[in-house]
Amino acid sequence: MAHGEQSTNNTFQLRDAREVPVEAADKAIIEATSIYHLAIEDLISRIGKETTAELLGTEAISAVRHAKR
């Protein structure tokens, strides 16, 4: 099973080959999403919507370029 895939025994394989229960993986994704949203709200309050959007756009472009390597 490749990392990031769900196996037939309700586990999810991490990049380091450890397997965690799907329920734990779902909980971790929900928590990470919550933290991400709070960070974006904080950025908006500090630097404004337009600057935050530009920053996130730049980061997204960098991530795509990095992924293509």
C-alpha atoms as a PDB file:
ATOM      1  CA  MET A   1       0.000   0.000   0.000  1.00  0.00           C
ATOM      2  CA  ALA A   2       1.367   3.421  -0.939  1.00  0.00           C
ATOM      3  CA  HIS A   3       1.400   6.218   1.619  1.00  0.00           C
ATOM      4  CA  GLY A   4      -1.788   8.194   1.765  1.00  0.00           C
ATOM      5  CA  GLU A   5      -3.918   5.209   0.877  1.00  0.00           C
ATOM      6  CA  GLN A   6      -6.576   3.548   2.983  1.00  0.00           C
ATOM      7  CA  SER A   7      -6.097  -0.173   3.456  1.00  0.00           C
ATOM      8  CA  THR A   8      -8.819  -2.768   3.735  1.00  0.00           C
ATOM      9  CA  ASN A   9      -8.397  -2.977   7.542  1.00  0.00           C
ATOM     10  CA  ASN A  10      -9.502   0.637   8.153  1.00  0.00           C
ATOM     11  CA  THR A  11      -6.014   2.060   8.541  1.00  0.00           C
ATOM     12  CA  PHE A  12      -4.261   4.862   6.715  1.00  0.00           C
ATOM     13  CA  GLN A  13      -0.578   4.593   5.817  1.00  0.00           C
ATOM     14  CA  LEU A  14       1.592   7.602   6.605  1.00  0.00           C
ATOM     15  CA  ARG A  15       4.680   8.608   4.624  1.00  0.00           C
ATOM     16  CA  ASP A  16       6.949   6.874   7.135  1.00  0.00           C
ATOM     17  CA  ALA A  17       5.058   3.586   6.576  1.00  0.00           C
ATOM     18  CA  ARG A  18       3.271   3.693   9.941  1.00  0.00           C
ATOM     19  CA  GLU A  19      -0.390   2.861   9.807  1.00  0.00           C
ATOM     20  CA  VAL A  20      -2.960   4.755  11.855  1.00  0.00           C
ATOM     21  CA  PRO A  21      -6.675   4.081  12.194  1.00  0.00           C
ATOM     22  CA  VAL A  22      -8.747   5.961   9.630  1.00  0.00           C
ATOM     23  CA  GLU A  23     -10.633   7.621  12.480  1.00  0.00           C
ATOM     24  CA  ALA A  24      -7.345   9.052  13.838  1.00  0.00           C
ATOM     25  CA  ALA A  25      -6.312  10.248  10.376  1.00  0.00           C
ATOM     26  CA  ASP A  26      -9.687  11.948   9.905  1.00  0.00           C
ATOM     27  CA  LYS A  27      -9.352  13.647  13.286  1.00  0.00           C
ATOM     28  CA  ALA A  28      -5.845  14.863  12.418  1.00  0.00           C
ATOM     29  CA  ILE A  29      -7.053  16.290   9.100  1.00  0.00           C
ATOM     30  CA  ILE A  30      -9.903  18.118  10.829  1.00  0.00           C
ATOM     31  CA  GLU A  31      -7.497  19.548  13.427  1.00  0.00           C
ATOM     32  CA  ALA A  32      -4.962  20.629  10.793  1.00  0.00           C
ATOM     33  CA  THR A  33      -7.716  22.281   8.738  1.00  0.00           C
ATOM     34  CA  SER A  34      -8.908  24.162  11.805  1.00  0.00           C
ATOM     35  CA  ILE A  35      -5.376  25.403  12.557  1.00  0.00           C
ATOM     36  CA  TYR A  36      -4.927  26.435   8.905  1.00  0.00           C
ATOM     37  CA  HIS A  37      -8.174  28.425   8.938  1.00  0.00           C
ATOM     38  CA  LEU A  38      -7.241  30.167  12.185  1.00  0.00           C
ATOM     39  CA  ALA A  39      -3.849  31.094  10.722  1.00  0.00           C
ATOM     40  CA  ILE A  40      -5.507  32.582   7.635  1.00  0.00           C
ATOM     41  CA  GLU A  41      -7.929  34.572   9.789  1.00  0.00           C
ATOM     42  CA  ASP A  42      -4.958  35.861  11.798  1.00  0.00           C
ATOM     43  CA  LEU A  43      -3.127  36.879   8.631  1.00  0.00           C
ATOM     44  CA  ILE A  44      -6.205  38.688   7.333  1.00  0.00           C
ATOM     45  CA  SER A  45      -6.529  40.617  10.578  1.00  0.00           C
ATOM     46  CA  ARG A  46      -2.842  41.577  10.509  1.00  0.00           C
ATOM     47  CA  ILE A  47      -2.172  42.329   6.843  1.00  0.00           C
ATOM     48  CA  GLY A  48      -5.567  42.495   5.130  1.00  0.00           C
ATOM     49  CA  LYS A  49      -7.463  40.328   2.674  1.00  0.00           C
ATOM     50  CA  GLU A  50      -5.686  41.406  -0.506  1.00  0.00           C
ATOM     51  CA  THR A  51      -2.175  40.909   0.863  1.00  0.00           C
ATOM     52  CA  THR A  52      -3.156  37.573   2.402  1.00  0.00           C
ATOM     53  CA  ALA A  53      -4.619  36.438  -0.922  1.00  0.00           C
ATOM     54  CA  GLU A  54      -1.444  37.473  -2.746  1.00  0.00           C
ATOM     55  CA  LEU A  55       0.722  35.683  -0.189  1.00  0.00           C
ATOM     56  CA  LEU A  56      -1.333  32.481  -0.359  1.00  0.00           C
ATOM     57  CA  GLY A  57      -1.331  32.611  -4.150  1.00  0.00           C
ATOM     58  CA  THR A  58       2.445  32.954  -4.220  1.00  0.00           C
ATOM     59  CA  GLU A  59       2.802  30.036  -1.800  1.00  0.00           C
ATOM     60  CA  ALA A  60       0.452  27.892  -3.891  1.00  0.00           C
ATOM     61  CA  ILE A  61       2.465  28.590  -7.041  1.00  0.00           C
ATOM     62  CA  SER A  62       5.688  27.689  -5.208  1.00  0.00           C
ATOM     63  CA  ALA A  63       4.144  24.458  -3.918  1.00  0.00           C
ATOM     64  CA  VAL A  64       3.060  23.433  -7.412  1.00  0.00           C
ATOM     65  CA  ARG A  65       6.509  24.179  -8.833  1.00  0.00           C
ATOM     66  CA  HIS A  66       8.126  22.200  -6.032  1.00  0.00           C
ATOM     67  CA  ALA A  67       5.764  19.258  -6.585  1.00  0.00           C
ATOM     68  CA  LYS A  68       6.653  19.155 -10.291  1.00  0.00           C
ATOM     69  CA  ARG A  69      10.355  18.606  -9.517  1.00  0.00           C
END
